[in-house]
N, C-alpha and C. Protein backbone atom coordinates (compact mmCIF):
# COMPACT_ATOMS: atom_id res chain seq x y z
N UNK A 1 3.84 -21.50 -13.67
CA UNK A 1 2.65 -20.81 -14.46
C UNK A 1 1.43 -20.97 -13.66
N UNK A 2 1.09 -22.34 -13.37
CA UNK A 2 0.03 -22.53 -12.60
C UNK A 2 -0.03 -21.89 -11.28
N UNK A 3 0.96 -21.60 -10.57
CA UNK A 3 1.42 -21.14 -9.25
C UNK A 3 0.84 -19.68 -9.49
N UNK A 4 1.39 -18.95 -10.43
CA UNK A 4 0.87 -17.52 -10.79
C UNK A 4 -0.74 -17.46 -11.09
N UNK A 5 -1.08 -18.54 -11.81
CA UNK A 5 -2.30 -18.50 -12.18
C UNK A 5 -3.45 -18.41 -11.10
N UNK A 6 -2.92 -19.25 -10.05
CA UNK A 6 -3.72 -19.43 -8.72
C UNK A 6 -3.46 -17.89 -8.03
N UNK A 7 -2.26 -17.50 -8.00
CA UNK A 7 -2.30 -16.07 -7.04
C UNK A 7 -3.25 -15.15 -7.87
N UNK A 8 -3.12 -15.11 -9.24
CA UNK A 8 -4.09 -14.13 -10.15
C UNK A 8 -5.54 -14.34 -9.51
N UNK A 9 -5.73 -15.67 -9.70
CA UNK A 9 -7.33 -16.15 -9.33
C UNK A 9 -7.70 -15.55 -7.96
N UNK A 10 -6.61 -15.81 -6.94
CA UNK A 10 -6.89 -15.49 -5.43
C UNK A 10 -6.93 -13.91 -5.39
N UNK A 11 -6.18 -13.13 -5.94
CA UNK A 11 -6.04 -11.97 -5.89
C UNK A 11 -7.24 -11.02 -6.46
N UNK A 12 -7.98 -11.72 -7.65
CA UNK A 12 -9.16 -11.20 -8.16
C UNK A 12 -10.21 -11.32 -7.33
N UNK A 13 -10.45 -12.62 -6.95
CA UNK A 13 -11.68 -12.74 -5.94
C UNK A 13 -11.23 -12.22 -4.60
N UNK A 14 -10.36 -11.76 -3.95
CA UNK A 14 -10.00 -10.86 -3.08
C UNK A 14 -10.63 -9.65 -3.21
N UNK A 15 -10.18 -8.91 -4.22
CA UNK A 15 -10.38 -7.59 -4.66
C UNK A 15 -12.08 -7.64 -4.89
N UNK A 16 -12.62 -8.38 -5.73
CA UNK A 16 -13.59 -8.22 -6.25
C UNK A 16 -15.00 -8.80 -5.23
N UNK A 17 -14.65 -9.53 -4.35
CA UNK A 17 -15.67 -10.47 -3.61
C UNK A 17 -15.15 -10.46 -2.11
N UNK A 18 -14.11 -10.04 -1.70
CA UNK A 18 -13.83 -10.13 -0.35
C UNK A 18 -13.20 -11.48 0.16
N UNK A 19 -12.34 -11.45 1.26
CA UNK A 19 -11.53 -12.68 2.04
C UNK A 19 -12.57 -13.78 1.97
N UNK A 20 -13.85 -13.55 2.31
CA UNK A 20 -14.52 -14.67 2.79
C UNK A 20 -14.74 -15.56 1.59
N UNK A 21 -14.93 -14.98 0.26
CA UNK A 21 -15.11 -15.64 -0.82
C UNK A 21 -14.09 -16.53 -1.29
N UNK A 22 -12.78 -16.30 -0.88
CA UNK A 22 -11.57 -17.27 -1.39
C UNK A 22 -11.43 -18.51 -0.74
N UNK A 23 -11.67 -19.41 -1.68
CA UNK A 23 -11.76 -20.98 -1.31
C UNK A 23 -10.97 -21.51 -2.32
N UNK A 24 -10.37 -22.89 -2.13
CA UNK A 24 -9.51 -23.63 -2.92
C UNK A 24 -10.21 -23.90 -4.04
N UNK A 25 -11.51 -24.21 -3.89
CA UNK A 25 -12.38 -24.69 -5.06
C UNK A 25 -12.42 -23.22 -6.13
N UNK A 26 -12.97 -22.30 -5.49
CA UNK A 26 -13.20 -21.01 -6.37
C UNK A 26 -12.02 -20.56 -6.91
N UNK A 27 -10.84 -20.54 -6.45
CA UNK A 27 -9.51 -20.03 -6.74
C UNK A 27 -9.25 -21.09 -8.07
N UNK A 28 -9.35 -22.39 -7.93
CA UNK A 28 -9.22 -23.32 -8.97
C UNK A 28 -9.92 -23.06 -10.12
N UNK A 29 -11.49 -22.51 -9.78
CA UNK A 29 -12.39 -22.58 -10.96
C UNK A 29 -11.80 -21.27 -11.80
N UNK A 30 -11.77 -20.28 -11.14
CA UNK A 30 -11.03 -18.93 -11.60
C UNK A 30 -9.95 -19.22 -12.68
N UNK A 31 -8.92 -19.80 -11.85
CA UNK A 31 -7.61 -20.21 -12.58
C UNK A 31 -7.71 -21.21 -13.77
N UNK A 32 -8.91 -21.72 -13.91
CA UNK A 32 -9.06 -22.85 -14.68
C UNK A 32 -8.21 -24.02 -14.69
N UNK A 33 -8.21 -24.33 -13.11
CA UNK A 33 -7.45 -25.61 -12.86
C UNK A 33 -8.10 -26.46 -12.08
N UNK A 34 -7.62 -27.74 -11.69
CA UNK A 34 -8.31 -28.75 -10.76
C UNK A 34 -8.00 -28.10 -9.34
N UNK A 35 -8.89 -28.33 -8.42
CA UNK A 35 -8.51 -27.60 -7.07
C UNK A 35 -7.33 -28.45 -6.37
N UNK A 36 -7.20 -29.50 -6.68
CA UNK A 36 -6.00 -30.19 -6.21
C UNK A 36 -4.50 -29.46 -6.45
N UNK A 37 -4.52 -28.95 -7.64
CA UNK A 37 -3.29 -28.10 -7.86
C UNK A 37 -3.11 -26.81 -6.84
N UNK A 38 -4.13 -26.39 -6.38
CA UNK A 38 -3.99 -25.16 -5.46
C UNK A 38 -3.43 -25.81 -4.32
N UNK A 39 -3.96 -26.92 -3.61
CA UNK A 39 -3.29 -27.51 -2.44
C UNK A 39 -1.77 -28.36 -2.74
N UNK A 40 -1.48 -28.43 -4.20
CA UNK A 40 -0.24 -28.96 -4.47
C UNK A 40 0.62 -27.77 -4.37
N UNK A 41 0.32 -26.50 -4.75
CA UNK A 41 1.44 -25.28 -4.71
C UNK A 41 1.30 -24.73 -3.23
N UNK A 42 0.16 -25.02 -2.69
CA UNK A 42 -0.05 -24.05 -1.40
C UNK A 42 -0.96 -25.16 -0.19
N UNK A 43 -0.07 -25.44 0.60
CA UNK A 43 -0.70 -26.64 1.50
C UNK A 43 -1.80 -26.18 2.34
N UNK A 44 -1.76 -25.09 2.62
CA UNK A 44 -3.07 -24.52 3.28
C UNK A 44 -3.47 -23.07 2.78
N UNK A 45 -4.81 -22.75 2.80
CA UNK A 45 -4.87 -21.33 2.55
C UNK A 45 -4.22 -20.30 3.12
N UNK A 46 -3.76 -20.54 4.43
CA UNK A 46 -2.88 -19.34 4.90
C UNK A 46 -1.35 -19.20 4.02
N UNK A 47 -1.15 -20.27 3.78
CA UNK A 47 0.02 -20.27 2.73
C UNK A 47 -0.33 -19.50 1.51
N UNK A 48 -1.42 -19.85 0.90
CA UNK A 48 -1.87 -19.02 -0.10
C UNK A 48 -2.01 -17.44 -0.08
N UNK A 49 -2.63 -17.20 1.15
CA UNK A 49 -2.84 -15.71 1.47
C UNK A 49 -1.52 -15.14 1.85
N UNK A 50 -0.66 -15.74 2.51
CA UNK A 50 0.80 -15.20 2.75
C UNK A 50 1.52 -14.96 1.51
N UNK A 51 1.48 -15.93 0.56
CA UNK A 51 2.14 -15.74 -0.67
C UNK A 51 1.53 -14.72 -1.61
N UNK A 52 0.25 -14.35 -1.54
CA UNK A 52 -0.33 -13.27 -2.33
C UNK A 52 -0.12 -11.89 -1.73
N UNK A 53 -0.09 -12.02 -0.45
CA UNK A 53 0.20 -10.88 0.24
C UNK A 53 1.84 -10.26 -0.10
N UNK A 54 2.58 -11.48 -0.12
CA UNK A 54 3.99 -11.08 -0.42
C UNK A 54 4.00 -10.64 -1.78
N UNK A 55 3.70 -11.02 -2.70
CA UNK A 55 3.64 -10.75 -3.99
C UNK A 55 2.80 -9.31 -4.16
N UNK A 56 1.86 -8.89 -3.56
CA UNK A 56 1.11 -7.55 -3.49
C UNK A 56 2.19 -6.55 -3.01
N UNK A 57 2.84 -6.82 -1.95
CA UNK A 57 3.79 -6.00 -1.25
C UNK A 57 4.97 -5.95 -2.23
N UNK A 58 5.38 -7.03 -2.87
CA UNK A 58 6.59 -6.60 -3.75
C UNK A 58 6.42 -5.65 -4.73
N UNK A 59 4.91 -5.77 -5.54
CA UNK A 59 4.50 -4.71 -6.41
C UNK A 59 4.34 -3.25 -5.76
N UNK A 60 3.99 -3.23 -4.33
CA UNK A 60 3.76 -2.12 -3.84
C UNK A 60 5.40 -1.48 -3.65
N UNK A 61 5.94 -2.05 -3.11
CA UNK A 61 7.53 -1.65 -2.69
C UNK A 61 8.01 -1.12 -4.27
N UNK A 62 7.89 -1.80 -5.26
CA UNK A 62 8.38 -1.46 -6.55
C UNK A 62 8.04 -0.14 -6.86
N UNK A 63 6.52 0.23 -6.61
CA UNK A 63 5.74 1.41 -7.07
C UNK A 63 6.39 2.41 -5.89
N UNK A 64 6.70 2.03 -4.88
CA UNK A 64 7.45 3.05 -3.80
C UNK A 64 8.69 3.45 -4.32
N UNK A 65 9.47 2.73 -4.97
CA UNK A 65 10.71 2.85 -5.51
C UNK A 65 10.60 4.00 -6.33
N UNK A 66 9.64 3.52 -7.44
CA UNK A 66 9.54 4.45 -8.55
C UNK A 66 9.20 6.06 -7.95
N UNK A 67 8.27 5.98 -7.07
CA UNK A 67 7.97 7.26 -6.56
C UNK A 67 8.87 8.04 -5.83
N UNK A 68 9.71 7.45 -5.33
CA UNK A 68 10.61 8.18 -4.36
C UNK A 68 12.03 8.65 -5.49
N UNK A 69 12.05 7.82 -6.73
CA UNK A 69 12.92 8.33 -7.32
C UNK A 69 12.48 9.57 -8.45
N UNK A 70 11.30 10.02 -7.92
CA UNK A 70 10.68 11.00 -9.16
C UNK A 70 11.17 12.30 -8.20
N UNK A 71 11.01 13.40 -9.33
CA UNK A 71 11.30 14.85 -8.80
C UNK A 71 10.53 15.38 -7.67
N UNK A 72 9.37 14.69 -7.21
CA UNK A 72 8.77 15.09 -5.98
C UNK A 72 8.30 13.90 -5.53
N UNK A 73 9.11 13.23 -4.64
CA UNK A 73 8.97 12.05 -4.18
C UNK A 73 7.69 12.19 -2.89
N UNK A 74 7.61 13.16 -2.31
CA UNK A 74 6.39 13.19 -1.29
C UNK A 74 5.21 13.11 -2.10
N UNK A 75 5.15 14.25 -3.09
CA UNK A 75 3.88 14.20 -3.78
C UNK A 75 3.32 12.83 -4.71
N UNK A 76 4.64 12.36 -5.26
CA UNK A 76 4.27 10.93 -5.76
C UNK A 76 3.94 9.84 -4.87
N UNK A 77 4.37 9.81 -3.81
CA UNK A 77 3.94 8.87 -2.57
C UNK A 77 2.46 9.20 -2.25
N UNK A 78 2.09 10.55 -2.18
CA UNK A 78 0.73 10.85 -1.94
C UNK A 78 -0.32 10.39 -2.82
N UNK A 79 0.00 10.67 -4.27
CA UNK A 79 -0.70 10.04 -5.43
C UNK A 79 -0.60 8.66 -5.37
N UNK A 80 0.48 7.96 -4.93
CA UNK A 80 0.42 6.38 -4.88
C UNK A 80 -0.51 6.11 -3.77
N UNK A 81 -0.76 6.58 -2.78
CA UNK A 81 -1.56 6.27 -1.44
C UNK A 81 -2.89 6.60 -1.92
N UNK A 82 -3.33 7.63 -2.81
CA UNK A 82 -4.76 7.78 -3.42
C UNK A 82 -5.16 6.99 -4.35
N UNK A 83 -4.51 6.29 -4.96
CA UNK A 83 -4.87 5.43 -5.98
C UNK A 83 -6.07 4.49 -5.58
N UNK A 84 -7.18 4.65 -6.18
CA UNK A 84 -8.56 4.08 -5.61
C UNK A 84 -8.70 2.29 -5.99
N UNK A 85 -7.57 1.91 -6.67
CA UNK A 85 -7.41 0.51 -7.06
C UNK A 85 -6.78 -0.10 -5.68
N UNK A 86 -6.10 0.32 -4.78
CA UNK A 86 -5.33 -0.25 -3.89
C UNK A 86 -6.12 -0.59 -2.73
N UNK A 87 -6.64 0.71 -1.98
CA UNK A 87 -7.46 0.37 -0.90
C UNK A 87 -8.23 -0.86 -0.59
N UNK A 88 -9.04 -1.23 -1.60
CA UNK A 88 -9.93 -2.63 -1.39
C UNK A 88 -9.03 -3.77 -1.08
N UNK A 89 -8.02 -3.84 -1.74
CA UNK A 89 -7.24 -5.00 -1.63
C UNK A 89 -6.43 -5.28 -0.26
N UNK A 90 -6.00 -3.76 -0.07
CA UNK A 90 -5.26 -3.76 1.38
C UNK A 90 -6.40 -3.91 2.55
N UNK A 91 -7.69 -3.24 2.53
CA UNK A 91 -8.71 -3.37 3.51
C UNK A 91 -8.83 -5.26 3.81
N UNK A 92 -8.81 -5.90 2.46
CA UNK A 92 -9.34 -7.38 2.60
C UNK A 92 -8.21 -7.80 3.31
N UNK A 93 -6.78 -7.61 3.24
CA UNK A 93 -5.81 -8.10 4.01
C UNK A 93 -5.90 -7.88 5.23
N UNK A 94 -6.06 -6.70 5.62
CA UNK A 94 -6.22 -6.20 7.15
C UNK A 94 -7.20 -7.08 7.87
N UNK A 95 -8.44 -7.04 7.11
CA UNK A 95 -9.47 -8.01 7.70
C UNK A 95 -9.11 -9.39 7.71
N UNK A 96 -8.41 -10.06 6.83
CA UNK A 96 -8.19 -11.52 6.92
C UNK A 96 -6.94 -11.49 8.16
N UNK A 97 -6.21 -10.63 8.42
CA UNK A 97 -5.23 -10.62 9.41
C UNK A 97 -5.52 -10.64 10.55
N UNK A 98 -6.94 -10.12 11.01
CA UNK A 98 -7.54 -10.30 12.30
C UNK A 98 -7.70 -11.56 12.74
N UNK A 99 -7.54 -12.71 11.79
CA UNK A 99 -7.87 -14.03 12.22
C UNK A 99 -6.48 -15.05 11.68
N UNK A 100 -5.30 -14.29 11.33
CA UNK A 100 -4.27 -14.82 11.02
C UNK A 100 -3.10 -14.26 11.53
N UNK A 101 -2.47 -14.66 12.28
CA UNK A 101 -1.29 -14.01 13.31
C UNK A 101 -0.23 -13.70 12.28
N UNK A 102 0.27 -14.71 11.31
CA UNK A 102 1.45 -14.61 10.53
C UNK A 102 1.35 -13.41 9.51
N UNK A 103 -0.06 -13.32 8.92
CA UNK A 103 -0.52 -12.38 7.98
C UNK A 103 -0.40 -11.08 8.69
N UNK A 104 -0.79 -10.88 10.10
CA UNK A 104 -0.82 -9.66 10.86
C UNK A 104 0.55 -9.22 11.01
N UNK A 105 1.51 -10.13 11.28
CA UNK A 105 2.89 -9.82 11.44
C UNK A 105 3.54 -9.19 10.18
N UNK A 106 2.95 -9.95 9.11
CA UNK A 106 3.81 -9.62 7.88
C UNK A 106 3.09 -8.08 7.32
N UNK A 107 1.83 -7.85 7.57
CA UNK A 107 1.33 -6.39 7.18
C UNK A 107 1.89 -5.49 7.98
N UNK A 108 2.24 -5.78 9.58
CA UNK A 108 2.82 -4.64 10.43
C UNK A 108 4.31 -4.36 10.00
N UNK A 109 4.89 -5.55 9.48
CA UNK A 109 6.36 -5.21 9.08
C UNK A 109 6.44 -4.39 7.72
N UNK A 110 5.60 -4.65 6.69
CA UNK A 110 5.33 -3.91 5.65
C UNK A 110 4.82 -2.53 5.83
N UNK A 111 3.84 -2.21 6.81
CA UNK A 111 3.51 -1.02 7.06
C UNK A 111 4.70 -0.13 7.73
N UNK A 112 5.25 -0.76 8.52
CA UNK A 112 6.55 0.00 9.21
C UNK A 112 7.35 0.34 8.28
N UNK A 113 7.68 -0.42 7.19
CA UNK A 113 8.64 -0.16 6.00
C UNK A 113 8.06 0.73 5.34
N UNK A 114 7.08 0.90 5.02
CA UNK A 114 6.22 1.98 4.27
C UNK A 114 6.45 3.29 5.05
N UNK A 115 6.17 3.14 6.16
CA UNK A 115 5.97 4.29 6.98
C UNK A 115 7.67 5.11 6.94
N UNK A 116 8.45 4.21 7.12
CA UNK A 116 10.06 4.55 6.95
C UNK A 116 10.21 5.55 5.59
N UNK A 117 9.61 4.90 4.48
CA UNK A 117 9.73 5.39 3.21
C UNK A 117 9.30 6.94 3.26
N UNK A 118 7.87 6.88 3.66
CA UNK A 118 7.25 8.16 3.85
C UNK A 118 8.09 9.19 4.68
N UNK A 119 8.57 8.82 5.95
CA UNK A 119 9.20 9.42 6.88
C UNK A 119 10.60 10.15 6.11
N UNK A 120 11.17 9.15 5.36
CA UNK A 120 12.58 9.77 4.70
C UNK A 120 12.23 10.66 3.59
N UNK A 121 11.29 10.50 2.83
CA UNK A 121 10.80 11.39 1.75
C UNK A 121 10.50 12.97 2.50
N UNK A 122 9.59 12.72 3.62
CA UNK A 122 9.26 14.09 4.26
C UNK A 122 10.18 14.71 5.12
N UNK A 123 11.39 14.11 5.45
CA UNK A 123 12.58 14.44 5.82
C UNK A 123 13.15 15.13 5.04
N UNK A 124 13.53 14.51 3.87
CA UNK A 124 14.17 15.30 2.67
C UNK A 124 13.62 16.64 2.39
N UNK A 125 12.14 16.57 2.06
CA UNK A 125 11.48 17.83 1.77
C UNK A 125 11.72 18.88 2.70
N UNK A 126 11.60 18.37 4.03
CA UNK A 126 11.53 19.49 4.79
C UNK A 126 12.67 20.15 5.07
N UNK A 127 14.09 19.34 4.91
CA UNK A 127 15.37 19.90 4.89
C UNK A 127 15.48 20.79 3.63
N UNK A 128 15.02 20.57 2.60
CA UNK A 128 15.11 21.58 1.25
C UNK A 128 14.38 22.59 1.48
N UNK A 129 13.19 22.49 2.16
CA UNK A 129 12.42 23.62 2.46
C UNK A 129 12.76 24.52 3.49
N UNK A 130 13.94 24.05 4.07
CA UNK A 130 14.24 24.96 5.17
C UNK A 130 13.42 24.90 6.45
N UNK A 131 12.79 23.83 6.60
CA UNK A 131 11.73 23.65 7.80
C UNK A 131 12.48 22.77 8.70
N UNK A 132 12.06 22.94 10.11
CA UNK A 132 12.50 22.09 11.28
C UNK A 132 11.85 20.77 11.28
N UNK A 133 12.79 19.68 11.37
CA UNK A 133 12.31 18.39 11.48
C UNK A 133 11.84 18.16 12.93
N UNK A 134 12.05 19.19 13.91
CA UNK A 134 11.74 18.80 15.23
C UNK A 134 10.29 19.45 15.34
N UNK A 135 9.94 20.63 14.43
CA UNK A 135 8.74 21.14 14.58
C UNK A 135 7.74 20.34 13.82
N UNK A 136 8.18 19.85 12.68
CA UNK A 136 7.39 19.19 11.89
C UNK A 136 7.75 17.64 11.73
N UNK A 137 7.68 16.77 12.57
CA UNK A 137 8.41 15.41 12.53
C UNK A 137 8.09 14.73 11.48
N UNK A 138 9.20 14.18 10.44
CA UNK A 138 8.88 13.64 9.11
C UNK A 138 7.88 12.26 9.53
N UNK A 139 8.08 11.53 10.38
CA UNK A 139 7.23 10.62 10.45
C UNK A 139 5.70 10.89 10.80
N UNK A 140 5.31 12.17 11.44
CA UNK A 140 4.08 12.40 11.68
C UNK A 140 3.85 12.98 10.28
N UNK A 141 4.24 13.70 9.43
CA UNK A 141 3.85 14.07 8.25
C UNK A 141 3.55 12.72 7.19
N UNK A 142 4.32 11.77 7.25
CA UNK A 142 4.13 10.58 6.56
C UNK A 142 2.77 9.93 7.02
N UNK A 143 2.75 9.84 8.29
CA UNK A 143 1.45 9.20 8.84
C UNK A 143 0.37 9.94 8.51
N UNK A 144 0.31 11.32 8.67
CA UNK A 144 -0.82 12.22 7.94
C UNK A 144 -1.33 12.08 6.69
N UNK A 145 -0.19 12.02 5.83
CA UNK A 145 -0.70 11.64 4.62
C UNK A 145 -1.09 10.22 4.18
N UNK A 146 -0.50 9.34 4.82
CA UNK A 146 -1.15 7.96 4.67
C UNK A 146 -2.26 7.77 5.40
N UNK A 147 -2.74 8.55 6.76
CA UNK A 147 -3.84 8.55 7.22
C UNK A 147 -5.11 9.30 6.38
N UNK A 148 -4.84 10.30 6.06
CA UNK A 148 -5.88 11.23 5.08
C UNK A 148 -6.16 10.19 3.75
N UNK A 149 -5.31 9.69 3.28
CA UNK A 149 -5.44 8.77 1.93
C UNK A 149 -6.43 7.69 2.43
N UNK A 150 -6.46 7.26 3.51
CA UNK A 150 -6.90 5.78 3.96
C UNK A 150 -8.45 6.37 4.22
N UNK A 151 -8.56 7.54 4.91
CA UNK A 151 -9.96 8.01 5.23
C UNK A 151 -10.61 8.20 4.10
N UNK A 152 -10.12 8.81 2.82
CA UNK A 152 -10.72 9.16 1.73
C UNK A 152 -10.94 7.90 0.95
N UNK A 153 -10.22 6.90 1.02
CA UNK A 153 -10.62 5.66 0.39
C UNK A 153 -11.68 4.86 1.00
N UNK A 154 -11.62 4.87 2.42
CA UNK A 154 -12.87 4.18 3.09
C UNK A 154 -14.14 5.21 3.06
N UNK A 155 -13.89 6.61 3.20
CA UNK A 155 -15.20 7.30 2.91
C UNK A 155 -15.86 7.08 1.42
N UNK A 156 -14.84 6.89 0.56
CA UNK A 156 -15.36 6.52 -0.98
C UNK A 156 -16.15 5.36 -0.99
N UNK A 157 -15.57 4.41 -0.16
CA UNK A 157 -16.56 3.01 -0.21
C UNK A 157 -18.03 3.08 0.30
N UNK A 158 -17.93 4.16 1.16
CA UNK A 158 -19.13 4.21 2.01
C UNK A 158 -19.92 5.54 1.43
N UNK A 159 -19.55 6.12 0.31
CA UNK A 159 -20.40 7.20 -0.35
C UNK A 159 -20.37 8.43 0.26
N UNK A 160 -19.21 8.41 1.32
CA UNK A 160 -19.03 10.03 2.00
C UNK A 160 -17.95 10.89 1.30
N UNK A 161 -18.27 12.02 1.15
CA UNK A 161 -17.10 12.96 0.70
C UNK A 161 -17.11 14.33 1.62
N UNK A 162 -17.78 14.23 2.64
CA UNK A 162 -17.69 15.52 3.46
C UNK A 162 -16.47 15.83 3.93
N UNK A 163 -15.87 16.90 3.80
CA UNK A 163 -14.50 17.18 4.07
C UNK A 163 -13.23 16.93 3.30
N UNK A 164 -13.59 16.21 2.22
CA UNK A 164 -12.63 15.79 1.15
C UNK A 164 -11.85 16.81 0.52
N UNK A 165 -12.82 17.69 -0.09
CA UNK A 165 -11.89 18.82 -0.90
C UNK A 165 -11.19 19.61 0.18
N UNK A 166 -11.38 19.95 1.19
CA UNK A 166 -10.68 20.82 2.19
C UNK A 166 -9.59 19.85 2.69
N UNK A 167 -9.67 18.51 2.87
CA UNK A 167 -8.38 17.85 3.20
C UNK A 167 -7.35 17.85 2.14
N UNK A 168 -7.72 17.61 0.80
CA UNK A 168 -6.91 17.34 -0.10
C UNK A 168 -6.42 18.76 -0.59
N UNK A 169 -7.03 19.86 -0.37
CA UNK A 169 -6.39 21.11 -0.60
C UNK A 169 -5.47 21.32 0.66
N UNK A 170 -5.54 20.80 1.56
CA UNK A 170 -4.67 20.93 2.83
C UNK A 170 -3.45 20.30 2.37
N UNK A 171 -3.47 19.15 1.89
CA UNK A 171 -2.24 18.26 1.65
C UNK A 171 -1.76 19.12 0.53
N UNK A 172 -2.40 19.31 -0.60
CA UNK A 172 -1.53 19.88 -1.69
C UNK A 172 -1.14 21.19 -1.31
N UNK A 173 -1.58 21.91 -0.42
CA UNK A 173 -0.91 23.26 0.22
C UNK A 173 0.32 22.68 0.75
N UNK A 174 0.33 21.82 1.55
CA UNK A 174 1.70 21.39 2.33
C UNK A 174 2.59 20.53 1.20
N UNK A 175 2.01 20.00 0.42
CA UNK A 175 3.09 19.44 -0.62
C UNK A 175 3.60 20.43 -1.50
N UNK A 176 2.84 21.47 -1.89
CA UNK A 176 3.39 22.83 -2.52
C UNK A 176 4.64 23.51 -1.80
N UNK A 177 4.35 23.58 -0.61
CA UNK A 177 5.41 24.13 0.25
C UNK A 177 6.43 23.40 0.49
N UNK A 178 6.42 21.80 0.46
CA UNK A 178 7.47 20.95 0.60
C UNK A 178 8.07 20.46 -0.87
N UNK A 179 7.56 21.15 -2.00
CA UNK A 179 7.99 20.65 -3.09
C UNK A 179 9.55 20.56 -3.38
N UNK A 180 9.89 19.44 -3.90
CA UNK A 180 11.44 19.09 -4.05
C UNK A 180 11.56 18.62 -5.44
N UNK A 181 12.54 19.23 -6.25
CA UNK A 181 12.46 18.94 -7.41
C UNK A 181 13.97 18.62 -7.81
N UNK A 182 14.69 17.72 -7.24
CA UNK A 182 16.01 17.01 -7.58
C UNK A 182 15.95 15.67 -7.93
N UNK A 183 15.66 15.47 -9.10
CA UNK A 183 15.52 13.98 -9.79
C UNK A 183 16.71 13.31 -9.62
N UNK A 184 17.71 14.02 -9.94
CA UNK A 184 19.23 13.19 -9.83
C UNK A 184 19.66 12.78 -8.49
N UNK A 185 19.16 13.35 -7.56
CA UNK A 185 19.61 13.22 -6.02
C UNK A 185 19.15 11.64 -5.73
N UNK A 186 19.81 10.99 -5.23
CA UNK A 186 19.22 9.72 -4.43
C UNK A 186 18.90 10.00 -2.98
N UNK A 187 17.71 9.82 -2.67
CA UNK A 187 17.15 10.07 -1.40
C UNK A 187 17.09 9.19 -0.37
N UNK A 188 17.30 9.76 0.70
CA UNK A 188 17.14 8.36 1.76
C UNK A 188 15.87 7.47 1.54
N UNK A 189 14.94 8.10 1.18
CA UNK A 189 13.57 7.31 0.77
C UNK A 189 13.99 6.07 -0.09
N UNK A 190 14.79 6.43 -0.96
CA UNK A 190 15.07 5.15 -1.87
C UNK A 190 16.08 4.28 -1.41
N UNK A 191 16.76 4.53 -0.42
CA UNK A 191 17.78 3.83 0.37
C UNK A 191 16.64 2.77 1.28
N UNK A 192 15.76 3.46 1.81
CA UNK A 192 14.90 2.42 2.78
C UNK A 192 14.18 1.43 2.14
N UNK A 193 13.95 1.57 1.07
CA UNK A 193 13.17 0.34 0.21
C UNK A 193 13.69 -0.60 -0.04
């Protein structure tokens, strides 16, 4: 129970104030615990950040599984990637990873796994739509969707919206063209998770 409270507090601070604000004292205060308990459960702050990242990634992959099980996996993945609550936390982990090699490796592993999910969903959609996977590489489509969603979220933080409507319209056109509605079928994307 205390371990989860510590992780909840660290996540809230990370999301609301940024990684520089996460300290054992502050985490303990937000969790309503003594700071010694933070070090009881996590010997170092690196351990705490790694545990938090793994918990967040576990939740992320549960959402990916749900998205790939939907009638339109690629569209569901797009909507998941454009969820405004996710980017801030992700950006904080990436910033933190520039100073922590183990976090960087964990994020890279997770990103590769996510990329495989997108590629598998794109490949299924391309095949059903009768489009060439060599002309339209599934991994490139997955990267494009993920990349556009990241730019949209970064721009939103900066207060920019130039080109957003056109980019979203382009993605929607692509998704409409690749629309797949076979809910019962288990896709390669589900097996990648």
